[in-house]
Amino acid sequence: MIALGSDHGGFALKQVVIKHLEERGIEYKDFGTYDENSCDYPIFGKAAAEAVANGECEKGIVICTTGIGISIVANKVKGIRCALCSEPHSARLTREHNDANVLAMGGGLIGTDMAIDIVDTFLDTPFSGLEKHSRRISEIADME
């Protein structure tokens, strides 16, 4: 299951992601927001990230206008490795090298076709499992 969270600036792109996940038959849980009324991204980024950290969801996708604020929030949750991606290459590498478990995107910065490519790459790319990457992830976890 994929945890989703957005603020008003990411709401429209989140709706595109939801439709795409449904078309792929991927289950998700939407932690809000549920409309385009102005709201605070920390509430929704934290809720989605906590669902990943506690095992309720396998991965997460969080979206605000730039993706920056909501990625900062997600990374404050212990056990989360959130990567802000604006193209598929970064999404592939963050899965292969960092075993990122939450994807952040900027709803005001990327188009829908690019977002879908990023989401698919993020969800379909496995962690490489290479020792050097596992070691580095352990070093990150030790900082928490």
Protein backbone atom coordinates (compact mmCIF):
# COMPACT_ATOMS: atom_id res chain seq x y z
CA MET A 1 0.00 0.00 0.00
CA ILE A 2 1.18 3.51 -0.83
CA ALA A 3 0.72 6.37 1.63
CA LEU A 4 -0.24 9.66 0.00
CA GLY A 5 -0.10 13.15 1.42
CA SER A 6 -0.30 16.62 -0.02
CA ASP A 7 -1.16 20.17 0.77
CA HIS A 8 -3.34 22.41 -1.40
CA GLY A 9 -0.43 23.07 -3.77
CA GLY A 10 0.00 19.36 -4.42
CA PHE A 11 -3.65 18.36 -4.39
CA ALA A 12 -4.22 18.41 -8.17
CA LEU A 13 -1.12 16.34 -8.89
CA LYS A 14 -2.05 13.92 -6.10
CA GLN A 15 -5.37 13.36 -7.85
CA VAL A 16 -3.47 12.44 -11.03
CA VAL A 17 -1.28 10.05 -9.03
CA ILE A 18 -4.36 8.47 -7.40
CA LYS A 19 -5.95 7.84 -10.80
CA HIS A 20 -2.71 6.29 -12.05
CA LEU A 21 -2.35 4.05 -9.00
CA GLU A 22 -5.94 2.90 -9.46
CA GLU A 23 -5.26 2.13 -13.14
CA ARG A 24 -2.25 0.05 -12.08
CA GLY A 25 -4.25 -1.72 -9.37
CA ILE A 26 -2.01 -0.39 -6.60
CA GLU A 27 -3.66 0.17 -3.23
CA TYR A 28 -3.15 3.50 -1.50
CA LYS A 29 -4.25 5.41 1.56
CA ASP A 30 -4.78 9.14 1.22
CA PHE A 31 -3.83 11.07 4.36
CA GLY A 32 -5.08 14.37 2.93
CA THR A 33 -5.57 17.11 2.15
CA TYR A 34 -8.85 16.48 0.39
CA ASP A 35 -9.38 19.78 -1.45
CA GLU A 36 -7.54 22.88 -2.65
CA ASN A 37 -8.27 25.05 0.39
CA SER A 38 -5.11 26.53 1.88
CA CYS A 39 -3.62 24.24 4.53
CA ASP A 40 -0.33 23.34 6.22
CA TYR A 41 1.78 20.66 4.52
CA PRO A 42 3.43 19.42 7.75
CA ILE A 43 0.17 17.80 8.90
CA PHE A 44 -0.23 15.66 5.78
CA GLY A 45 3.45 14.97 5.10
CA LYS A 46 3.90 13.73 8.65
CA ALA A 47 0.82 11.49 8.52
CA ALA A 48 1.92 9.82 5.27
CA ALA A 49 5.51 9.40 6.48
CA GLU A 50 4.40 7.90 9.80
CA ALA A 51 2.29 5.34 7.94
CA VAL A 52 5.42 4.22 6.08
CA ALA A 53 7.60 4.29 9.20
CA ASN A 54 5.17 2.17 11.22
CA GLY A 55 4.69 -0.37 8.43
CA GLU A 56 1.08 0.45 7.62
CA CYS A 57 2.22 1.36 4.09
CA GLU A 58 5.18 0.06 2.09
CA LYS A 59 6.10 3.38 0.46
CA GLY A 60 4.85 6.94 0.38
CA ILE A 61 4.34 9.79 -2.06
CA VAL A 62 4.09 13.35 -0.74
CA ILE A 63 3.42 16.47 -2.79
CA CYS A 64 3.41 20.20 -2.11
CA THR A 65 3.96 23.11 -4.49
CA THR A 66 7.74 22.64 -4.67
CA GLY A 67 8.11 19.32 -2.88
CA ILE A 68 10.74 20.89 -0.64
CA GLY A 69 8.75 21.60 2.51
CA ILE A 70 6.89 18.31 2.54
CA SER A 71 10.12 16.37 1.93
CA ILE A 72 11.71 18.09 4.93
CA VAL A 73 8.71 17.09 7.05
CA ALA A 74 8.79 13.47 5.88
CA ASN A 75 12.50 13.21 6.64
CA LYS A 76 11.88 14.32 10.23
CA VAL A 77 10.07 11.01 10.83
CA LYS A 78 12.42 8.32 12.13
CA GLY A 79 13.02 5.61 9.54
CA ILE A 80 12.04 7.72 6.55
CA ARG A 81 14.31 8.33 3.61
CA CYS A 82 12.38 10.79 1.47
CA ALA A 83 13.78 11.98 -1.86
CA LEU A 84 12.55 14.98 -3.81
CA CYS A 85 12.60 13.98 -7.48
CA SER A 86 11.79 16.02 -10.56
CA GLU A 87 12.72 13.42 -13.19
CA PRO A 88 12.84 9.60 -13.42
CA HIS A 89 16.63 9.24 -13.30
CA SER A 90 16.76 10.58 -9.73
CA ALA A 91 13.82 8.39 -8.76
CA ARG A 92 15.64 5.30 -10.05
CA LEU A 93 18.91 6.16 -8.33
CA THR A 94 17.32 7.03 -5.00
CA ARG A 95 15.64 3.61 -4.94
CA GLU A 96 18.77 1.74 -6.09
CA HIS A 97 21.26 3.58 -3.87
CA ASN A 98 19.29 5.02 -0.94
CA ASP A 99 16.38 2.58 -0.66
CA ALA A 100 14.22 5.70 -0.38
CA ASN A 101 10.81 4.82 1.00
CA VAL A 102 9.03 8.12 0.34
CA LEU A 103 8.96 10.12 -2.89
CA ALA A 104 8.37 13.88 -2.83
CA MET A 105 7.33 15.89 -5.86
CA GLY A 106 6.53 19.52 -6.59
CA GLY A 107 2.99 19.88 -7.86
CA GLY A 108 3.71 23.37 -9.15
CA LEU A 109 6.91 22.40 -10.91
CA ILE A 110 6.38 19.20 -12.88
CA GLY A 111 3.77 18.17 -15.39
CA THR A 112 1.48 15.21 -15.08
CA ASP A 113 3.25 13.00 -17.65
CA MET A 114 6.60 13.54 -15.95
CA ALA A 115 5.06 12.89 -12.54
CA ILE A 116 3.64 9.56 -13.70
CA ASP A 117 7.04 8.55 -15.10
CA ILE A 118 8.66 9.47 -11.78
CA VAL A 119 6.06 7.55 -9.77
CA ASP A 120 6.38 4.44 -11.94
CA THR A 121 10.16 4.53 -11.75
CA PHE A 122 10.11 5.00 -7.98
CA LEU A 123 7.60 2.20 -7.38
CA ASP A 124 9.12 -0.26 -9.87
CA THR A 125 12.82 0.12 -9.04
CA PRO A 126 14.19 -2.20 -6.36
CA PHE A 127 16.98 -1.37 -3.92
CA SER A 128 20.28 -2.67 -5.33
CA GLY A 129 21.27 -4.33 -2.07
CA LEU A 130 24.95 -3.57 -2.72
CA GLU A 131 27.02 -3.59 0.45
CA LYS A 132 28.25 -0.02 0.01
CA HIS A 133 24.69 1.28 -0.25
CA SER A 134 23.48 -0.84 2.68
CA ARG A 135 26.38 0.45 4.75
CA ARG A 136 25.54 4.06 3.94
CA ILE A 137 21.86 3.57 4.78
CA SER A 138 22.92 2.11 8.14
CA GLU A 139 25.08 5.16 8.76
CA ILE A 140 22.08 7.39 8.06
CA ALA A 141 19.90 5.33 10.42
CA ASP A 142 22.53 5.69 13.15
CA MET A 143 22.10 9.49 12.98
CA GLU A 144 18.43 9.32 13.98
